[in-house]
Every structure is written in structure tokens, then in C-alpha cells.
Amino acid sequence: MLNNETVKPENFVHSLFLSERYQVLKQNSDNLTFSEDLQRVDKWKRDLYKESKNFKHRLEQDNYSEEVFEALITTIDEEKAYLYSQPLSNNVNLSLLEVGLELLKYKDLNEDEFQLVEFVYPFIIYASETLTESLNHRLKTVPYNLETVKQKLLLSLAEELLNIASRSIILELHVSKIREELVGDTPEERFKSFVTQKARNLESLFLFYKEYATLTRYLITRTDYFIVNIQELLLRLDRDWQKINSEFHIGNETLVEISCGLGDTHQRGKTVAKLIFENGKEIVYKPKPLEIATAYNQFVKWISERSTFISLPTYRIVDCGNYGWEEKVVPYSCYSEDEVKRYYFRFGSLAGLMYLLNGADMHFENVIAGGEFPYVIDFETIFHQYPKLDFPDSSEILLKYKQSESVIGTGLLPQSLFQNTDGQGLDFSALNGKEQALPFKVLGLDQINTDNMEYSLKEAKSQGSSNLPSLNGKPVKAEEYLDEIVKGFRTILQFFFDNKESILSEDGPLSPFKNIKIRIIARATQQYAHFLQESTHPDYMRDSIYLEKLFERMWYYPYLDKRIVKHEINDLLQRDIPYFTSFVDSCDLYDSKGVKIDHFFQKSGYEKVTEKIKNLSIQELEDQVNWLILSIEGNRSANIKITRKDVLNVSTNPFDYQEQFLEEAIKIGEHLLKRATFSSDYKNTSWLNVNIINNHWFVAPMKQSLYDGLSGVALFLLYLYKETNNIRYLDTAHAAIQSAINPFAASSKGLVSTFFGEISVLYALLHFQKLSPKEEYMNYINKVKKTLKQRIEDDKEFDLLSGSAGILHLLSNLYEYTSEPEYLDIIKAYGDHLIKNANHLRSGTAWKNRHTQTYLGGLSHGTSGIATALVRAGTVSGNQNYITLAKLAIEYDRSLYNADKRAWLDLRNDKPQFPHQWTHGSTGIGISRLMIKQYVQDQSLDSEVQIAMDNIENFGFKNNNNLSHGNMGDSELYLLGALHYEDDQLLWKARNIAKQALDDIKSSSQYHVDSPANIESLGLFTGISGIGFQLLRLRNPKEIPSVLTLENAY
């Protein structure tokens, strides 16, 4: 039976945080034992700190010795629990739980509904009683509906508390199930039994709270914070009602809802709230200063008065010092094309202004499209700067900084964040508020309200927002209005350039921003949110030691100034998103409680903005325009269509190709050198490149890959050096491959591929070892060799481009280069992997593509490519089984041949297609037959090569010149045929295709590779490096190997 003595502090002392336990140690050192054995400290260090200096710094922050820390992370002895009672009572309002349990005794429970929420009823009931009293006593001048207002508030609280508690409750559900404590014939009945036994029985409920002491502390404190914050809101609303009514014209309308949790919680549960009145009128309450918004509005007004072109919107606010009220900006559609154009002109102007004012975090939730006006609804992150990070000297880092300091860094323009191993990310920019598939799985409940209820990781989508303009209710695409955005952007940057003196004058329009508080975002909110979500696991809810150990991982982050980490952890321990502020003209940082971290920044935000405006030049304006175009053009759907452009020039007439081909390859090389970003010591380099992510283009620093990344560009520059003897190309090639073998971020597992990821670097390194060897390259090869041995079963793709088939070619190259028997063992492992996963069909043998769920033919993703790998592996290893399987794969490949079309069917789509590219269709199939012909006697191979060539000629000259699916890839089929058949006519056909491509490039001033309009992809298979490489190969085929067949270095 529960009584007043039950809720004792001793029952919950395990919820005390380390800082609170430290006070007990200081005051009771005579009663507590300090161990000289530091086993827990040593394990803590090993588990949580990459560098010992971080642990040392962590101890210094709180003035702990290792002996004291050992005592702090030791579980509290039950016999000594009484010593910790007073600190617990000082920090946790246990009377809230006591009163809540007492109130629960008298609550009528619905006998037809049994829910998880009953486990937090004491807190909901306590809040209900308190809010009723608060509403009645604090809202004296504001008309309100008690029931509807309170109902929405309690629903918000219940959602928060259940988010914290549900995983522990469900664990207990399964414990009861295992112990066979539940009764009932169905899962639903047994769930009701669980709720009855564990939630409706107060003794059992209290035992749950006692066992999960840390959870109980959070249920108490978050309820406490919620009540205090709502009481403060009500008091302020009543006090400011006259001003609010005067500004927003609400009249005598009844308040019917207060909607909390519109954003993250900070500073002990404070959050933005929306107040809704009976007539639908809405206002927004923000528990933070709005002075920055007032200053911004004045600045925009100053600009508008001096410019006939720039008209940025503002909205009404009531600034009350430490908090304020805002008009709710309502999204609505444009009703004419001109309005849409004006919207995007203003958006360009807004992007320019935010760039100049160092705006940050201007994501889709921060912008609302109200007709022809883009409204920014939070200005707390202008004059922003991020904490300095302790990064190595790296070209990749320099590019990331360059990107983040450009207009893209405002958050207004598209960029891909939180990418998974497949490259899928999220675009949270203000130009993409659409629903998006999340690149990671999230926890979700299955089989709710049954005894099988459990959490599992599920696919999920982000919520859409109101930031995208529409025309008569239909969405419009920003990229279709790029000209308007660029005009608006240029206009405002030109305005600042022309008015520098006035803007920067001592009493100019920027000066009112001084001494205004702004928010500093230390790191991505998503990181904090992930920690808070993970912290709800039952393992962290019994004893706060384990929770603190989780949060100690915050020390991993490479802040240059680690003083900030302690304050982050303190906020997380309150279950808040960490919150930091500064003042516009200050170098100091302040935590959520106002504690100052002196001289955290080298310069104030005001200094950085004034320097940016002072240094603004026409060249800088053009550079930022290019960033803007890159970002928005890149946001187009990557719908690459290969179409006929002209008749294909397959003349056999000789021409002077030597100088012409080399000249263009050098031009491409020089272009790459000009666009390269080097580390300060020039030992590594990288490029910004356009990449396809989730079927959209995004601009980002190059990754490691051979296909479209650093390894491929390095390979081209290596062979350009070989052909020119220009040391600049060799130096840049080495710098690029250095970036590939030492990426800043450890590469995720991703594909087991010769074309993508860390394994793909090996193909290029073998060529470096032949032409310009280094010991560290061989060390990298040996390191990745271990990876190859470990990751066989990870391959689910099987094909040439993304799986085991490509790996077999790479392994064969490695064996030919090193003669190490170990490579034969790995070849056998991957060959057997293909045998194990082969599907034996009536028409031959094939491998199911996991993306299309069909059996594809062709070179890059189908049976042609797999057959080439098996034939070669069988020859190298002497395993006839692989060659036999290869023949069966060719048999399936041939089953896709359509005699009427004289081409091979592509099964990627429901609609029959017969492409002619290296990736899919005739070009790749013809190349595969020439590769197989080196090892297998088959009379049909020659005729298939001829059919492939006929198809290329009949299709014609393509609108794309790259290696993967363009004209340069087609030239390789003729070149390989020329070398195999010793046919000079085929050789001249290959060179004439390349000549036609060069003529096309010169006439249009575009390379026509995989990329959005007016932007060049730089990669080997998709971009201009591949054009340069193929020109070198066509010029000197006996010295330059075929990358399209993964040929080894000569």
C-alpha cells in the first residue's frame, strides 16, 4: 500500500548526475571510500576518448582527479544512499510524483481502453490540476475555452513524456511476457493484463518508477518545466493582451488552443508556441528576445528606401524584451506568372542579404511562401559564426569551408546532408520543403497495444513545409526561375557594393545590430536529437552514470576550443537541445544559463560581416553567383537522356589526330589544375563536383571513387603526365590520389565495388605503382586487401559496376602485378560467391538485380559484365567452373537479343528499350564479347561485335560525350576491335568518332557530359576527365590502357 513515506529520496539517488554526486563526495569524504584501483576510469577512457588529452581536459573542466572520477562513476552503495538524499531533494521535485500518485487513486479509468500513456498518468493528472488553476488565475483579461486549451496542452505533455518512457515500458512488457505473468487468450488481452498489473496497480507502478530512477527524474522535471513555462506564457499573455490586441487585431475572440513544441526545446523546456483563437486567427509566442527581428526590419526598410528594385517583406511583432509575440505568417499561392517571378527575385535578394549578414540555418522551416513574398520567420542566426574545428590540413576540408562560407552556407540553397552509404541524403534548404524519404531508418512501434508491441527501425519520410511557392495552388520549381533568382541576388550584392560607405559608416544602418543577442549553432541539431533519442533506451534510464557515459561521447567532436562540450552535456542532461548565444559585437559565448565562455571567437560576428561587405568586389559577386547557379541547377532531377544528335562519323579517312587529341587533353588537364583546391602544403588536392544523389544533382567535394571521383581524375592526370612529361600533372595526380587514400571522413562500408568507395582506389594505385610508385600506395593496397577478404558476403549487387564481377577483374590485376598466391584465394572466394548467388534459368544463368528485381543483361549491371569477370578469373586461377558459369551467363545474355530490333533488351523498365551504351546495351555488350574472346572460343562472338557496331552507327552521334554512355565510350568498342582484329579501318573509325566529339565540343563550347545545364562534371566515367583520358588512349593505344575494361597497367 502506497503512503506518504513511499516516495523517499533514497529510492531515486541513482538519478543524480555526476556533478551532483560530486557535492556529496566533497561534503562526506570521511564517510566514503576512494579506490586507488582506477579500472572504471581506464575503461571509461578507452571507450569514450580517442585522445587522452581530451579526457584530461574533461577532468580539468570540473576540477576532478582520476581518483575522484573513479568514485563518481561507481554505483552508489545502497547503505550510503541516505548521504545522497538531500542533493536529490534539492534537484528533483519529488512532491510532484507524490501528489500525482495520490491524485491517480481517485481517477476513473476507462475499462475499455488500456494504453501506454497510463504509465505517465500521475504526471498528466498533476499537470491537469495545476493548469486548470493557472488558467483560471492567470488569464483574467483574455477570453479562453478551458477544456480545449487544457486538452491540447496535456496532449503535448503526454507525447513528450511517452517519448521518454515508452522504450522502458515496452521492455517491462516483454519481461512480464517471458515470466508468463500476463493473462488472456489474445495479444490484445495480454496487453490489457500488463497495463492492469503494472500501471493500474499503484504499488507496481511505483516499483517501475523506482527501478527506472533516471526516467522518473525526467518525467518529474520535464513535467515541472512544462508547467512553469506554460504558467509564464499565460502570465505574459494576460499582461500583454492590450498590446497584442492592438497589434494583431484579435478583438474579443476566445483562445481555443495553445500548441506547444513547434520547435526544439531549450533552456529547461522552453519552446515556441502557437496560440489559436476561435475565428482561426493565430499568433506565435517566442520565449526569447526579438530585438534582432526589429533591427532586421529597420535595416530592410533602410534598403527599400534607397532601392527601387529591392522589396523584402517583414511582418508584425511585439517585442517584450526577453520574449515576444509575432504575427503568424500564413502561406498562400501566387495567382500569376509575374507574382512567381517576383517571389523568386525577392528570394534571390533574400539569399544575397543572408549571405552578406552571415545568416545560417535558414532551412525550409524558417521560410514561408506568402504569395509573392518569401518570409523569414526567425532571424536569430544572422551575424553567425560556427566554432572553430580542429581539422587536419586537407583540401577536402578547405572545400567544405569554402562551400559553407559561400551563399550555400546560409541554408537557403539546395545541399545534401546526412548522407547514408548509398549517397542518399536530405535537402533541408528553403528551396525544398517537399516530403523526403529519410536516408536512415527511425524507431517506430509495431503491433501497438498488444503483448508483441516492440520498437523496430523503419523507413520514414520527413514532413513537408510551407516554404515553396505555388501558382494557383500548383507547385513551381525554383530551377525554372533561376534567372529571376540570379537577378535578385545580383541586385542586392550590387547595392551593397555601391553603398559600402553608407552601410559601414559609424552610425550607419548596421550599427543598431550591435549589442543584440544572437544564437550560435555549435553543431547540427540532428546530432543532439540523435543523442536524446538514444538516451531513452532502458539501459540509460536506471542509473544516470550510464546516461552520462553516453553523453560523454560529445567529446569526440573536434572543437578547437573544448570548453563548450561541458555546457552541451549539461543541456542534454536536462533533455534540451543545447543552446548558445553571443552578442553581435562580442567574441564571448554564453551557454543556456548565461554562463560566459570568454574569448571563444577570434572576431565578433559584427567584425566578420563588416569585413565581408568591405571586401565585396565584382569578382566576389560573380563567384557567389556561380555558387548559387551550381546549387540550384544541381537541384534539377538527374534525368539523363541519351538521344541521337547527328549522323555518326565512322569515316576511315586518316587525319592529323596526334596534336589535336593531345591539345584537348592538355586543355582539360589545365582546367582541372585551375579548379583544384590544394592543402596548404600542396600534398593533397580535391575538386568540387556535381554528383547524382537520390536522382538529383548536388555539388560537393569529390569522393574517393574511380567512377566519378578522385581516383579517376588522378588516373587521367597520371597518364597526361606520361604523355607530356609535365611534372605539374604528376604532382597533382599524386595529390589527388593522396586525398583518395586519406579521406577526411572514414568512408562508410557502402558497395563492394571496383568503381566506388575505398576499394576503387586500388585500380588507380596499380597504375601509379607502374608509372610513379610509392611505398605508401602498396601499404594502402595491402590494407584494403584485408577489407576485400572480409566483405565478400556484403556484396548483394554481383555485377561489374557495383559488385563481385568488378572485384574479380581488380583481383586479377592485383595477382598479375604482385604474383601473390593470397590473391588467388580471394579470387576463389568471390568466384564462389557468384556461383552461390547464381540463378539457373531456362535461358541460362543470371543474377537478380536487387534494385529492379529483374535479371539484367549488359556489361555494367548484367550478365555480360559478370561473364567477362568469371572468364578472366577462371583463366587466372585455373578454375574451369568459373568459365563454365560464364558461358551460361552469356547464354542468358543472348536470350535478351531481339532479332527484329537486332539489339539486346534492357529489362530495367517495363517498357521495352534497346539502348546502345557502355553501361547498358550494344556498346557494352560488344566490348564484353571482345573481352571474352581473349579467353574463350565461340563463333558467335564476332558476329555480336559486328551487330553492336552496326547499332552504334545506326543510332548515330549522341548528345553525350562521356565514357559511361556517350560517344567516347562508343569509340572504345571500335578501338578494342581494331586492336583485336588488327584492323586499321576500325582504328580510324574510333578516332573519327572522337574527332566528331571534339568538333561538337568546340562548336558549342560545352563538353556535353553528365551534369546539369552549364555545369561540367569532372569525373572519369561521367565527365571531362574521361574525355581527356580517351583522347590520350586513342592517340597512343599501346601505352594507355582501357579503363572501360578495367585493363591493367601496361
Foldseek 3Di string as FASTA:
>chain_A
DDDPVLLALLLQLLLDDLVLVLVLCVVPVVPDDFDPDLVVVVVLCVVFPPDVVLVVVVCVLSVHDSRSVSVSLDGDDSVCSVSSRVSSVVQFVSVLLVQLLVVLVPDDDDPVDFAPLLLLRSLLVSLLVLVLVLLVPQQPPAAADSPLASVQLSVVLSVVLCLLAVQLLLVVLVVCVVVVVFDDDFQLRSLNRSRVVQRVPSVNSVVSCSQLSNSVRLSRQLSVLSSVQVSVVSNVCNVCVVVCCVQQVPPRFYWRYKHFDPDFAFLRGATKIWIATPVGFIKIKHQAFPLLLVLVVLLQVVLVVVDVQADADHFDWAGDDGITMTGDQDADAAADPVLCLLLLLNLLLVLLVQLLQVAAPQFQQQWAHHGSHTDGNDRQQGLEDEFDFDFDLAQQVVQVVVLCSFSVVNQQFFFFPPADLQQAGDTRHLQDQQKAWHNFWDWDWDPGSGSPIDIDTDTDIDHGHRRFHHHVPHTDHSLVNLVSSLNSNLVNLVVLLVCLCQCPDPPHSVNSQFQDKHWYDHDDLVVLVVLLSVCSNSVCRRGVSVNVSSLSSLSVGRRPDSSCSVLCSVGVSSVGRWIKMDGQFAQWIATSVRDIDHNSDVGGSVVVSSVCSVPRDPVSSVVSSVSRCQRRLQQDFLPDDKAFDFFFPLFLDDDPQQVVLLVVLVVLLVVCVVQWGAGPVRQAIWHWFWDQHPRTTHTHIFAQFCFFGLLVLLLLLLVNCVVVVPVVSPSHSSRSLVCNLCPSDQRDPHFPFCGDDNNVSLLSLLQCCVRPHDPVSVVSVVVCVVVLQVCLVVHQQLACGGGLLVVLLSLLLVCVSPVDCVSLVSNVSSLVSCVVQWDQDPQFIFHQGPVQRHAFPFCGRHLLVSLLSLLSSCVSNVPVVSNVNSVRSVSNQCVQQDPVVLWGWGPSDPDTDAAQFCNDILLVNLVSLLSNVVRDDDPCSVVSNVSSLVVDSVSRAILACFCGGHLLVSLVSLVSVCVVVVPSSSLSSSVSSLVVQVVVCVVVVHNRFSDRPPHFRSHCRTGDSVNSLSSSCSSPVVQRDDVSSSDGHD
